[in-house]
Amino acid sequence: MAITHIVLFQFQQGTNTEKIEELSSRFLALKHECLSVATQKPYILSVKGGIDNSPEGAQNGITHGFIVEFETPEDRDYYVDNDPAHQEFKKLAGKIREKAIVVDFASGVFK
């Protein structure tokens, strides 16, 4: 069952654009940097993201969003808890993010 992993960021006040762009590029690069222990091949199906451009005004400080897709819950769990590339990314992100919101779901599963 495929898993969609959504990550939303609010960055610390005063964080410069270059640092945000660098971190965003690093996030997108995880698709190629996160490798399966068993196969040593990338296991992330897709990664996309960008800066908020919603006209609704309901962002509550969130400025950037990313969507990561995994083939299985086990791949997502490894990514979240153990993948060295993702662990390093989280350390970098922690230096400039104010808030992160993460929501995961399997499409069509509501209970």
PDB file of N, CA and C in Angstrom:
ATOM      1  N   MET A   1       0.836  -1.168   0.000  1.00  0.00           N
ATOM      2  CA  MET A   1       0.000   0.000   0.000  1.00  0.00           C
ATOM      3  C   MET A   1       0.890   1.243   0.000  1.00  0.00           C
ATOM      4  N   ALA A   2       0.766   2.081  -1.003  1.00  0.00           N
ATOM      5  CA  ALA A   2       1.580   3.295  -1.125  1.00  0.00           C
ATOM      6  C   ALA A   2       1.246   4.290  -0.013  1.00  0.00           C
ATOM      7  N   ILE A   3       2.258   5.015   0.420  1.00  0.00           N
ATOM      8  CA  ILE A   3       2.114   6.017   1.473  1.00  0.00           C
ATOM      9  C   ILE A   3       2.545   7.379   0.934  1.00  0.00           C
ATOM     10  N   THR A   4       1.701   8.375   1.165  1.00  0.00           N
ATOM     11  CA  THR A   4       2.030   9.766   0.850  1.00  0.00           C
ATOM     12  C   THR A   4       2.414  10.458   2.150  1.00  0.00           C
ATOM     13  N   HIS A   5       3.569  11.102   2.142  1.00  0.00           N
ATOM     14  CA  HIS A   5       4.163  11.756   3.320  1.00  0.00           C
ATOM     15  C   HIS A   5       4.239  13.251   2.998  1.00  0.00           C
ATOM     16  N   ILE A   6       3.479  14.054   3.716  1.00  0.00           N
ATOM     17  CA  ILE A   6       3.437  15.499   3.473  1.00  0.00           C
ATOM     18  C   ILE A   6       4.175  16.211   4.599  1.00  0.00           C
ATOM     19  N   VAL A   7       5.079  17.106   4.225  1.00  0.00           N
ATOM     20  CA  VAL A   7       5.854  17.880   5.199  1.00  0.00           C
ATOM     21  C   VAL A   7       5.674  19.361   4.882  1.00  0.00           C
ATOM     22  N   LEU A   8       5.285  20.131   5.904  1.00  0.00           N
ATOM     23  CA  LEU A   8       5.071  21.566   5.762  1.00  0.00           C
ATOM     24  C   LEU A   8       5.993  22.296   6.730  1.00  0.00           C
ATOM     25  N   PHE A   9       6.656  23.339   6.240  1.00  0.00           N
ATOM     26  CA  PHE A   9       7.618  24.084   7.059  1.00  0.00           C
ATOM     27  C   PHE A   9       7.234  25.551   7.219  1.00  0.00           C
ATOM     28  N   GLN A  10       7.524  26.059   8.400  1.00  0.00           N
ATOM     29  CA  GLN A  10       7.613  27.488   8.665  1.00  0.00           C
ATOM     30  C   GLN A  10       9.051  27.699   9.116  1.00  0.00           C
ATOM     31  N   PHE A  11       9.743  28.640   8.494  1.00  0.00           N
ATOM     32  CA  PHE A  11      11.139  28.880   8.837  1.00  0.00           C
ATOM     33  C   PHE A  11      11.254  29.984   9.883  1.00  0.00           C
ATOM     34  N   GLN A  12      12.353  29.952  10.614  1.00  0.00           N
ATOM     35  CA  GLN A  12      12.605  30.955  11.651  1.00  0.00           C
ATOM     36  C   GLN A  12      12.648  32.344  11.033  1.00  0.00           C
ATOM     37  N   GLN A  13      12.120  33.296  11.768  1.00  0.00           N
ATOM     38  CA  GLN A  13      12.128  34.697  11.337  1.00  0.00           C
ATOM     39  C   GLN A  13      13.560  35.104  11.009  1.00  0.00           C
ATOM     40  N   GLY A  14      13.746  35.735   9.865  1.00  0.00           N
ATOM     41  CA  GLY A  14      15.054  36.226   9.467  1.00  0.00           C
ATOM     42  C   GLY A  14      15.912  35.233   8.701  1.00  0.00           C
ATOM     43  N   THR A  15      15.402  34.006   8.488  1.00  0.00           N
ATOM     44  CA  THR A  15      16.178  33.038   7.710  1.00  0.00           C
ATOM     45  C   THR A  15      16.286  33.537   6.278  1.00  0.00           C
ATOM     46  N   ASN A  16      17.503  33.609   5.754  1.00  0.00           N
ATOM     47  CA  ASN A  16      17.662  34.173   4.407  1.00  0.00           C
ATOM     48  C   ASN A  16      17.222  33.183   3.326  1.00  0.00           C
ATOM     49  N   THR A  17      16.875  33.732   2.203  1.00  0.00           N
ATOM     50  CA  THR A  17      16.354  32.960   1.075  1.00  0.00           C
ATOM     51  C   THR A  17      17.328  31.885   0.618  1.00  0.00           C
ATOM     52  N   GLU A  18      18.611  32.186   0.640  1.00  0.00           N
ATOM     53  CA  GLU A  18      19.601  31.213   0.187  1.00  0.00           C
ATOM     54  C   GLU A  18      19.583  29.948   1.044  1.00  0.00           C
ATOM     55  N   LYS A  19      19.461  30.112   2.362  1.00  0.00           N
ATOM     56  CA  LYS A  19      19.417  28.951   3.250  1.00  0.00           C
ATOM     57  C   LYS A  19      18.156  28.125   3.007  1.00  0.00           C
ATOM     58  N   ILE A  20      17.043  28.806   2.779  1.00  0.00           N
ATOM     59  CA  ILE A  20      15.790  28.100   2.498  1.00  0.00           C
ATOM     60  C   ILE A  20      15.884  27.358   1.172  1.00  0.00           C
ATOM     61  N   GLU A  21      16.451  27.996   0.161  1.00  0.00           N
ATOM     62  CA  GLU A  21      16.613  27.339  -1.140  1.00  0.00           C
ATOM     63  C   GLU A  21      17.563  26.149  -1.044  1.00  0.00           C
ATOM     64  N   GLU A  22      18.631  26.289  -0.282  1.00  0.00           N
ATOM     65  CA  GLU A  22      19.580  25.190  -0.105  1.00  0.00           C
ATOM     66  C   GLU A  22      18.915  24.003   0.583  1.00  0.00           C
ATOM     67  N   LEU A  23      18.161  24.275   1.656  1.00  0.00           N
ATOM     68  CA  LEU A  23      17.477  23.206   2.365  1.00  0.00           C
ATOM     69  C   LEU A  23      16.420  22.551   1.467  1.00  0.00           C
ATOM     70  N   SER A  24      15.720  23.344   0.693  1.00  0.00           N
ATOM     71  CA  SER A  24      14.708  22.801  -0.217  1.00  0.00           C
ATOM     72  C   SER A  24      15.349  21.898  -1.266  1.00  0.00           C
ATOM     73  N   SER A  25      16.471  22.305  -1.795  1.00  0.00           N
ATOM     74  CA  SER A  25      17.200  21.472  -2.760  1.00  0.00           C
ATOM     75  C   SER A  25      17.666  20.172  -2.119  1.00  0.00           C
ATOM     76  N   ARG A  26      18.117  20.264  -0.883  1.00  0.00           N
ATOM     77  CA  ARG A  26      18.536  19.055  -0.150  1.00  0.00           C
ATOM     78  C   ARG A  26      17.363  18.111   0.060  1.00  0.00           C
ATOM     79  N   PHE A  27      16.188  18.677   0.345  1.00  0.00           N
ATOM     80  CA  PHE A  27      14.998  17.839   0.514  1.00  0.00           C
ATOM     81  C   PHE A  27      14.713  17.082  -0.779  1.00  0.00           C
ATOM     82  N   LEU A  28      14.694  17.785  -1.899  1.00  0.00           N
ATOM     83  CA  LEU A  28      14.407  17.140  -3.181  1.00  0.00           C
ATOM     84  C   LEU A  28      15.452  16.080  -3.529  1.00  0.00           C
ATOM     85  N   ALA A  29      16.694  16.302  -3.125  1.00  0.00           N
ATOM     86  CA  ALA A  29      17.777  15.361  -3.418  1.00  0.00           C
ATOM     87  C   ALA A  29      17.643  14.049  -2.642  1.00  0.00           C
ATOM     88  N   LEU A  30      16.830  14.035  -1.591  1.00  0.00           N
ATOM     89  CA  LEU A  30      16.659  12.806  -0.824  1.00  0.00           C
ATOM     90  C   LEU A  30      16.150  11.656  -1.691  1.00  0.00           C
ATOM     91  N   LYS A  31      15.433  11.955  -2.762  1.00  0.00           N
ATOM     92  CA  LYS A  31      14.943  10.906  -3.655  1.00  0.00           C
ATOM     93  C   LYS A  31      16.095  10.034  -4.157  1.00  0.00           C
ATOM     94  N   HIS A  32      17.249  10.629  -4.356  1.00  0.00           N
ATOM     95  CA  HIS A  32      18.394   9.894  -4.876  1.00  0.00           C
ATOM     96  C   HIS A  32      19.382   9.487  -3.776  1.00  0.00           C
ATOM     97  N   GLU A  33      19.331  10.171  -2.657  1.00  0.00           N
ATOM     98  CA  GLU A  33      20.287   9.906  -1.574  1.00  0.00           C
ATOM     99  C   GLU A  33      19.832   8.826  -0.605  1.00  0.00           C
ATOM    100  N   CYS A  34      18.527   8.636  -0.478  1.00  0.00           N
ATOM    101  CA  CYS A  34      17.994   7.629   0.445  1.00  0.00           C
ATOM    102  C   CYS A  34      18.009   6.271  -0.250  1.00  0.00           C
ATOM    103  N   LEU A  35      18.823   5.359   0.283  1.00  0.00           N
ATOM    104  CA  LEU A  35      19.037   4.066  -0.358  1.00  0.00           C
ATOM    105  C   LEU A  35      18.518   2.925   0.516  1.00  0.00           C
ATOM    106  N   SER A  36      17.916   1.951  -0.126  1.00  0.00           N
ATOM    107  CA  SER A  36      17.465   0.737   0.551  1.00  0.00           C
ATOM    108  C   SER A  36      18.663  -0.011   1.110  1.00  0.00           C
ATOM    109  N   VAL A  37      18.531  -0.514   2.319  1.00  0.00           N
ATOM    110  CA  VAL A  37      19.606  -1.309   2.918  1.00  0.00           C
ATOM    111  C   VAL A  37      19.818  -2.587   2.108  1.00  0.00           C
ATOM    112  N   ALA A  38      18.732  -3.187   1.666  1.00  0.00           N
ATOM    113  CA  ALA A  38      18.818  -4.471   0.956  1.00  0.00           C
ATOM    114  C   ALA A  38      19.392  -4.350  -0.446  1.00  0.00           C
ATOM    115  N   THR A  39      18.982  -3.298  -1.183  1.00  0.00           N
ATOM    116  CA  THR A  39      19.367  -3.210  -2.599  1.00  0.00           C
ATOM    117  C   THR A  39      20.403  -2.128  -2.894  1.00  0.00           C
ATOM    118  N   GLN A  40      20.601  -1.203  -1.949  1.00  0.00           N
ATOM    119  CA  GLN A  40      21.462  -0.035  -2.149  1.00  0.00           C
ATOM    120  C   GLN A  40      20.992   0.819  -3.333  1.00  0.00           C
ATOM    121  N   LYS A  41      19.674   0.786  -3.603  1.00  0.00           N
ATOM    122  CA  LYS A  41      19.056   1.609  -4.649  1.00  0.00           C
ATOM    123  C   LYS A  41      18.045   2.541  -3.993  1.00  0.00           C
ATOM    124  N   PRO A  42      17.772   3.682  -4.631  1.00  0.00           N
ATOM    125  CA  PRO A  42      16.776   4.604  -4.070  1.00  0.00           C
ATOM    126  C   PRO A  42      15.416   3.915  -3.926  1.00  0.00           C
ATOM    127  N   TYR A  43      14.729   4.211  -2.835  1.00  0.00           N
ATOM    128  CA  TYR A  43      13.431   3.594  -2.572  1.00  0.00           C
ATOM    129  C   TYR A  43      12.283   4.609  -2.528  1.00  0.00           C
ATOM    130  N   ILE A  44      12.591   5.887  -2.592  1.00  0.00           N
ATOM    131  CA  ILE A  44      11.542   6.908  -2.627  1.00  0.00           C
ATOM    132  C   ILE A  44      10.993   6.961  -4.048  1.00  0.00           C
ATOM    133  N   LEU A  45       9.672   6.867  -4.175  1.00  0.00           N
ATOM    134  CA  LEU A  45       9.057   6.886  -5.494  1.00  0.00           C
ATOM    135  C   LEU A  45       9.092   8.277  -6.121  1.00  0.00           C
ATOM    136  N   SER A  46       8.784   9.306  -5.332  1.00  0.00           N
ATOM    137  CA  SER A  46       8.809  10.673  -5.855  1.00  0.00           C
ATOM    138  C   SER A  46       8.903  11.674  -4.711  1.00  0.00           C
ATOM    139  N   VAL A  47       9.454  12.836  -5.030  1.00  0.00           N
ATOM    140  CA  VAL A  47       9.521  13.966  -4.107  1.00  0.00           C
ATOM    141  C   VAL A  47       9.224  15.217  -4.918  1.00  0.00           C
ATOM    142  N   LYS A  48       8.344  16.053  -4.388  1.00  0.00           N
ATOM    143  CA  LYS A  48       8.109  17.355  -5.010  1.00  0.00           C
ATOM    144  C   LYS A  48       7.811  18.354  -3.907  1.00  0.00           C
ATOM    145  N   GLY A  49       8.025  19.622  -4.215  1.00  0.00           N
ATOM    146  CA  GLY A  49       7.777  20.637  -3.208  1.00  0.00           C
ATOM    147  C   GLY A  49       7.926  22.023  -3.777  1.00  0.00           C
ATOM    148  N   GLY A  50       7.567  22.999  -2.949  1.00  0.00           N
ATOM    149  CA  GLY A  50       7.692  24.383  -3.364  1.00  0.00           C
ATOM    150  C   GLY A  50       7.196  25.338  -2.302  1.00  0.00           C
ATOM    151  N   ILE A  51       7.264  26.621  -2.650  1.00  0.00           N
ATOM    152  CA  ILE A  51       6.809  27.688  -1.763  1.00  0.00           C
ATOM    153  C   ILE A  51       5.292  27.838  -1.891  1.00  0.00           C
ATOM    154  N   ASP A  52       4.658  28.167  -0.795  1.00  0.00           N
ATOM    155  CA  ASP A  52       3.213  28.349  -0.778  1.00  0.00           C
ATOM    156  C   ASP A  52       2.795  29.483  -1.712  1.00  0.00           C
ATOM    157  N   ASN A  53       1.705  29.257  -2.436  1.00  0.00           N
ATOM    158  CA  ASN A  53       1.135  30.329  -3.254  1.00  0.00           C
ATOM    159  C   ASN A  53      -0.388  30.355  -3.169  1.00  0.00           C
ATOM    160  N   SER A  54      -0.927  29.820  -2.074  1.00  0.00           N
ATOM    161  CA  SER A  54      -2.379  29.765  -1.898  1.00  0.00           C
ATOM    162  C   SER A  54      -2.947  31.153  -1.601  1.00  0.00           C
ATOM    163  N   PRO A  55      -4.045  31.526  -2.257  1.00  0.00           N
ATOM    164  CA  PRO A  55      -4.688  32.802  -1.976  1.00  0.00           C
ATOM    165  C   PRO A  55      -5.658  32.734  -0.797  1.00  0.00           C
ATOM    166  N   GLU A  56      -5.831  31.565  -0.178  1.00  0.00           N
ATOM    167  CA  GLU A  56      -6.847  31.405   0.866  1.00  0.00           C
ATOM    168  C   GLU A  56      -6.505  32.065   2.192  1.00  0.00           C
ATOM    169  N   GLY A  57      -5.226  32.247   2.479  1.00  0.00           N
ATOM    170  CA  GLY A  57      -4.835  32.897   3.726  1.00  0.00           C
ATOM    171  C   GLY A  57      -4.952  32.011   4.958  1.00  0.00           C
ATOM    172  N   ALA A  58      -4.931  30.707   4.771  1.00  0.00           N
ATOM    173  CA  ALA A  58      -5.075  29.784   5.891  1.00  0.00           C
ATOM    174  C   ALA A  58      -3.775  29.036   6.196  1.00  0.00           C
ATOM    175  N   GLN A  59      -2.637  29.625   5.868  1.00  0.00           N
ATOM    176  CA  GLN A  59      -1.344  28.945   6.008  1.00  0.00           C
ATOM    177  C   GLN A  59      -0.852  28.859   7.452  1.00  0.00           C
ATOM    178  N   ASN A  60      -1.289  29.734   8.313  1.00  0.00           N
ATOM    179  CA  ASN A  60      -0.856  29.741   9.718  1.00  0.00           C
ATOM    180  C   ASN A  60       0.662  29.744   9.866  1.00  0.00           C
ATOM    181  N   GLY A  61       1.335  30.517   9.011  1.00  0.00           N
ATOM    182  CA  GLY A  61       2.783  30.653   9.090  1.00  0.00           C
ATOM    183  C   GLY A  61       3.559  29.685   8.212  1.00  0.00           C
ATOM    184  N   ILE A  62       2.919  28.659   7.693  1.00  0.00           N
ATOM    185  CA  ILE A  62       3.587  27.678   6.831  1.00  0.00           C
ATOM    186  C   ILE A  62       3.916  28.341   5.497  1.00  0.00           C
ATOM    187  N   THR A  63       5.146  28.152   5.039  1.00  0.00           N
ATOM    188  CA  THR A  63       5.570  28.790   3.783  1.00  0.00           C
ATOM    189  C   THR A  63       5.998  27.813   2.699  1.00  0.00           C
ATOM    190  N   HIS A  64       6.369  26.581   3.072  1.00  0.00           N
ATOM    191  CA  HIS A  64       6.887  25.622   2.101  1.00  0.00           C
ATOM    192  C   HIS A  64       6.277  24.248   2.359  1.00  0.00           C
ATOM    193  N   GLY A  65       5.994  23.531   1.274  1.00  0.00           N
ATOM    194  CA  GLY A  65       5.428  22.197   1.398  1.00  0.00           C
ATOM    195  C   GLY A  65       6.143  21.204   0.509  1.00  0.00           C
ATOM    196  N   PHE A  66       6.195  19.951   0.960  1.00  0.00           N
ATOM    197  CA  PHE A  66       6.844  18.870   0.234  1.00  0.00           C
ATOM    198  C   PHE A  66       5.988  17.613   0.320  1.00  0.00           C
ATOM    199  N   ILE A  67       5.986  16.840  -0.753  1.00  0.00           N
ATOM    200  CA  ILE A  67       5.268  15.574  -0.786  1.00  0.00           C
ATOM    201  C   ILE A  67       6.256  14.486  -1.191  1.00  0.00           C
ATOM    202  N   VAL A  68       6.326  13.446  -0.366  1.00  0.00           N
ATOM    203  CA  VAL A  68       7.206  12.302  -0.620  1.00  0.00           C
ATOM    204  C   VAL A  68       6.314  11.071  -0.728  1.00  0.00           C
ATOM    205  N   GLU A  69       6.540  10.257  -1.754  1.00  0.00           N
ATOM    206  CA  GLU A  69       5.739   9.045  -1.925  1.00  0.00           C
ATOM    207  C   GLU A  69       6.609   7.806  -1.768  1.00  0.00           C
ATOM    208  N   PHE A  70       6.075   6.861  -0.992  1.00  0.00           N
ATOM    209  CA  PHE A  70       6.750   5.591  -0.726  1.00  0.00           C
ATOM    210  C   PHE A  70       5.872   4.445  -1.203  1.00  0.00           C
ATOM    211  N   GLU A  71       6.508   3.361  -1.624  1.00  0.00           N
ATOM    212  CA  GLU A  71       5.760   2.190  -2.086  1.00  0.00           C
ATOM    213  C   GLU A  71       5.077   1.461  -0.937  1.00  0.00           C
ATOM    214  N   THR A  72       5.739   1.442   0.240  1.00  0.00           N
ATOM    215  CA  THR A  72       5.204   0.688   1.376  1.00  0.00           C
ATOM    216  C   THR A  72       5.333   1.485   2.681  1.00  0.00           C
ATOM    217  N   PRO A  73       4.509   1.148   3.676  1.00  0.00           N
ATOM    218  CA  PRO A  73       4.691   1.759   4.999  1.00  0.00           C
ATOM    219  C   PRO A  73       6.065   1.456   5.583  1.00  0.00           C
ATOM    220  N   GLU A  74       6.613   0.297   5.268  1.00  0.00           N
ATOM    221  CA  GLU A  74       7.937  -0.073   5.785  1.00  0.00           C
ATOM    222  C   GLU A  74       9.025   0.846   5.229  1.00  0.00           C
ATOM    223  N   ASP A  75       8.916   1.201   3.952  1.00  0.00           N
ATOM    224  CA  ASP A  75       9.873   2.159   3.371  1.00  0.00           C
ATOM    225  C   ASP A  75       9.766   3.503   4.081  1.00  0.00           C
ATOM    226  N   ARG A  76       8.543   3.967   4.306  1.00  0.00           N
ATOM    227  CA  ARG A  76       8.342   5.237   5.017  1.00  0.00           C
ATOM    228  C   ARG A  76       8.913   5.166   6.428  1.00  0.00           C
ATOM    229  N   ASP A  77       8.671   4.055   7.112  1.00  0.00           N
ATOM    230  CA  ASP A  77       9.157   3.907   8.486  1.00  0.00           C
ATOM    231  C   ASP A  77      10.682   3.931   8.544  1.00  0.00           C
ATOM    232  N   TYR A  78      11.333   3.264   7.599  1.00  0.00           N
ATOM    233  CA  TYR A  78      12.793   3.289   7.548  1.00  0.00           C
ATOM    234  C   TYR A  78      13.284   4.712   7.303  1.00  0.00           C
ATOM    235  N   TYR A  79      12.655   5.400   6.375  1.00  0.00           N
ATOM    236  CA  TYR A  79      12.996   6.790   6.056  1.00  0.00           C
ATOM    237  C   TYR A  79      12.899   7.672   7.299  1.00  0.00           C
ATOM    238  N   VAL A  80      11.789   7.571   7.987  1.00  0.00           N
ATOM    239  CA  VAL A  80      11.542   8.431   9.150  1.00  0.00           C
ATOM    240  C   VAL A  80      12.502   8.136  10.289  1.00  0.00           C
ATOM    241  N   ASP A  81      12.739   6.865  10.564  1.00  0.00           N
ATOM    242  CA  ASP A  81      13.469   6.491  11.769  1.00  0.00           C
ATOM    243  C   ASP A  81      14.951   6.182  11.597  1.00  0.00           C
ATOM    244  N   ASN A  82      15.372   5.731  10.387  1.00  0.00           N
ATOM    245  CA  ASN A  82      16.716   5.176  10.283  1.00  0.00           C
ATOM    246  C   ASN A  82      17.568   5.659   9.117  1.00  0.00           C
ATOM    247  N   ASP A  83      16.971   6.121   8.046  1.00  0.00           N
ATOM    248  CA  ASP A  83      17.774   6.440   6.864  1.00  0.00           C
ATOM    249  C   ASP A  83      18.800   7.521   7.193  1.00  0.00           C
ATOM    250  N   PRO A  84      20.107   7.241   6.991  1.00  0.00           N
ATOM    251  CA  PRO A  84      21.138   8.219   7.347  1.00  0.00           C
ATOM    252  C   PRO A  84      21.013   9.547   6.605  1.00  0.00           C
ATOM    253  N   ALA A  85      20.652   9.512   5.330  1.00  0.00           N
ATOM    254  CA  ALA A  85      20.514  10.764   4.570  1.00  0.00           C
ATOM    255  C   ALA A  85      19.378  11.601   5.125  1.00  0.00           C
ATOM    256  N   HIS A  86      18.271  10.965   5.482  1.00  0.00           N
ATOM    257  CA  HIS A  86      17.146  11.708   6.053  1.00  0.00           C
ATOM    258  C   HIS A  86      17.471  12.216   7.454  1.00  0.00           C
ATOM    259  N   GLN A  87      18.181  11.434   8.240  1.00  0.00           N
ATOM    260  CA  GLN A  87      18.557  11.872   9.581  1.00  0.00           C
ATOM    261  C   GLN A  87      19.436  13.125   9.511  1.00  0.00           C
ATOM    262  N   GLU A  88      20.366  13.148   8.568  1.00  0.00           N
ATOM    263  CA  GLU A  88      21.224  14.321   8.382  1.00  0.00           C
ATOM    264  C   GLU A  88      20.398  15.523   7.933  1.00  0.00           C
ATOM    265  N   PHE A  89      19.451  15.292   7.023  1.00  0.00           N
ATOM    266  CA  PHE A  89      18.581  16.373   6.572  1.00  0.00           C
ATOM    267  C   PHE A  89      17.793  16.954   7.746  1.00  0.00           C
ATOM    268  N   LYS A  90      17.262  16.108   8.606  1.00  0.00           N
ATOM    269  CA  LYS A  90      16.480  16.598   9.745  1.00  0.00           C
ATOM    270  C   LYS A  90      17.327  17.490  10.662  1.00  0.00           C
ATOM    271  N   LYS A  91      18.600  17.142  10.836  1.00  0.00           N
ATOM    272  CA  LYS A  91      19.488  17.980  11.648  1.00  0.00           C
ATOM    273  C   LYS A  91      19.653  19.360  11.018  1.00  0.00           C
ATOM    274  N   LEU A  92      19.865  19.394   9.698  1.00  0.00           N
ATOM    275  CA  LEU A  92      20.013  20.669   8.999  1.00  0.00           C
ATOM    276  C   LEU A  92      18.727  21.490   9.071  1.00  0.00           C
ATOM    277  N   ALA A  93      17.601  20.837   8.835  1.00  0.00           N
ATOM    278  CA  ALA A  93      16.316  21.535   8.861  1.00  0.00           C
ATOM    279  C   ALA A  93      16.035  22.108  10.246  1.00  0.00           C
ATOM    280  N   GLY A  94      16.404  21.368  11.264  1.00  0.00           N
ATOM    281  CA  GLY A  94      16.164  21.809  12.637  1.00  0.00           C
ATOM    282  C   GLY A  94      16.858  23.113  12.994  1.00  0.00           C
ATOM    283  N   LYS A  95      17.893  23.452  12.259  1.00  0.00           N
ATOM    284  CA  LYS A  95      18.634  24.685  12.529  1.00  0.00           C
ATOM    285  C   LYS A  95      17.907  25.933  12.037  1.00  0.00           C
ATOM    286  N   ILE A  96      16.999  25.778  11.057  1.00  0.00           N
ATOM    287  CA  ILE A  96      16.355  26.975  10.489  1.00  0.00           C
ATOM    288  C   ILE A  96      14.832  26.909  10.480  1.00  0.00           C
ATOM    289  N   ARG A  97      14.248  25.803  10.885  1.00  0.00           N
ATOM    290  CA  ARG A  97      12.783  25.743  10.866  1.00  0.00           C
ATOM    291  C   ARG A  97      12.215  26.182  12.198  1.00  0.00           C
ATOM    292  N   GLU A  98      11.113  26.858  12.110  1.00  0.00           N
ATOM    293  CA  GLU A  98      10.365  27.262  13.297  1.00  0.00           C
ATOM    294  C   GLU A  98       9.357  26.173  13.658  1.00  0.00           C
ATOM    295  N   LYS A  99       8.694  25.657  12.618  1.00  0.00           N
ATOM    296  CA  LYS A  99       7.634  24.674  12.827  1.00  0.00           C
ATOM    297  C   LYS A  99       7.611  23.718  11.643  1.00  0.00           C
ATOM    298  N   ALA A 100       7.292  22.465  11.937  1.00  0.00           N
ATOM    299  CA  ALA A 100       7.078  21.470  10.886  1.00  0.00           C
ATOM    300  C   ALA A 100       5.787  20.732  11.196  1.00  0.00           C
ATOM    301  N   ILE A 101       5.016  20.484  10.153  1.00  0.00           N
ATOM    302  CA  ILE A 101       3.808  19.678  10.260  1.00  0.00           C
ATOM    303  C   ILE A 101       3.990  18.505   9.303  1.00  0.00           C
ATOM    304  N   VAL A 102       3.729  17.301   9.782  1.00  0.00           N
ATOM    305  CA  VAL A 102       3.881  16.100   8.966  1.00  0.00           C
ATOM    306  C   VAL A 102       2.591  15.307   9.028  1.00  0.00           C
ATOM    307  N   VAL A 103       2.083  14.942   7.847  1.00  0.00           N
ATOM    308  CA  VAL A 103       0.885  14.122   7.732  1.00  0.00           C
ATOM    309  C   VAL A 103       1.166  13.025   6.711  1.00  0.00           C
ATOM    310  N   ASP A 104       0.876  11.788   7.085  1.00  0.00           N
ATOM    311  CA  ASP A 104       1.031  10.650   6.186  1.00  0.00           C
ATOM    312  C   ASP A 104      -0.329  10.015   5.954  1.00  0.00           C
ATOM    313  N   PHE A 105      -0.532   9.483   4.751  1.00  0.00           N
ATOM    314  CA  PHE A 105      -1.776   8.753   4.501  1.00  0.00           C
ATOM    315  C   PHE A 105      -1.606   7.751   3.375  1.00  0.00           C
ATOM    316  N   ALA A 106      -2.488   6.751   3.388  1.00  0.00           N
ATOM    317  CA  ALA A 106      -2.643   5.815   2.285  1.00  0.00           C
ATOM    318  C   ALA A 106      -3.896   6.276   1.545  1.00  0.00           C
ATOM    319  N   SER A 107      -3.794   6.509   0.265  1.00  0.00           N
ATOM    320  CA  SER A 107      -4.898   7.061  -0.511  1.00  0.00           C
ATOM    321  C   SER A 107      -6.157   6.211  -0.389  1.00  0.00           C
ATOM    322  N   GLY A 108      -7.251   6.882  -0.066  1.00  0.00           N
ATOM    323  CA  GLY A 108      -8.548   6.214   0.028  1.00  0.00           C
ATOM    324  C   GLY A 108      -8.835   5.545   1.360  1.00  0.00           C
ATOM    325  N   VAL A 109      -7.889   5.563   2.284  1.00  0.00           N
ATOM    326  CA  VAL A 109      -8.109   4.952   3.596  1.00  0.00           C
ATOM    327  C   VAL A 109      -8.541   6.051   4.571  1.00  0.00           C
ATOM    328  N   PHE A 110      -9.758   5.921   5.097  1.00  0.00           N
ATOM    329  CA  PHE A 110     -10.311   6.954   5.958  1.00  0.00           C
ATOM    330  C   PHE A 110     -10.641   6.455   7.360  1.00  0.00           C
ATOM    331  N   LYS A 111     -10.400   5.201   7.642  1.00  0.00           N
ATOM    332  CA  LYS A 111     -10.626   4.701   9.004  1.00  0.00           C
ATOM    333  C   LYS A 111      -9.673   3.580   9.329  1.00  0.00           C
TER     334      LYS A 111
END
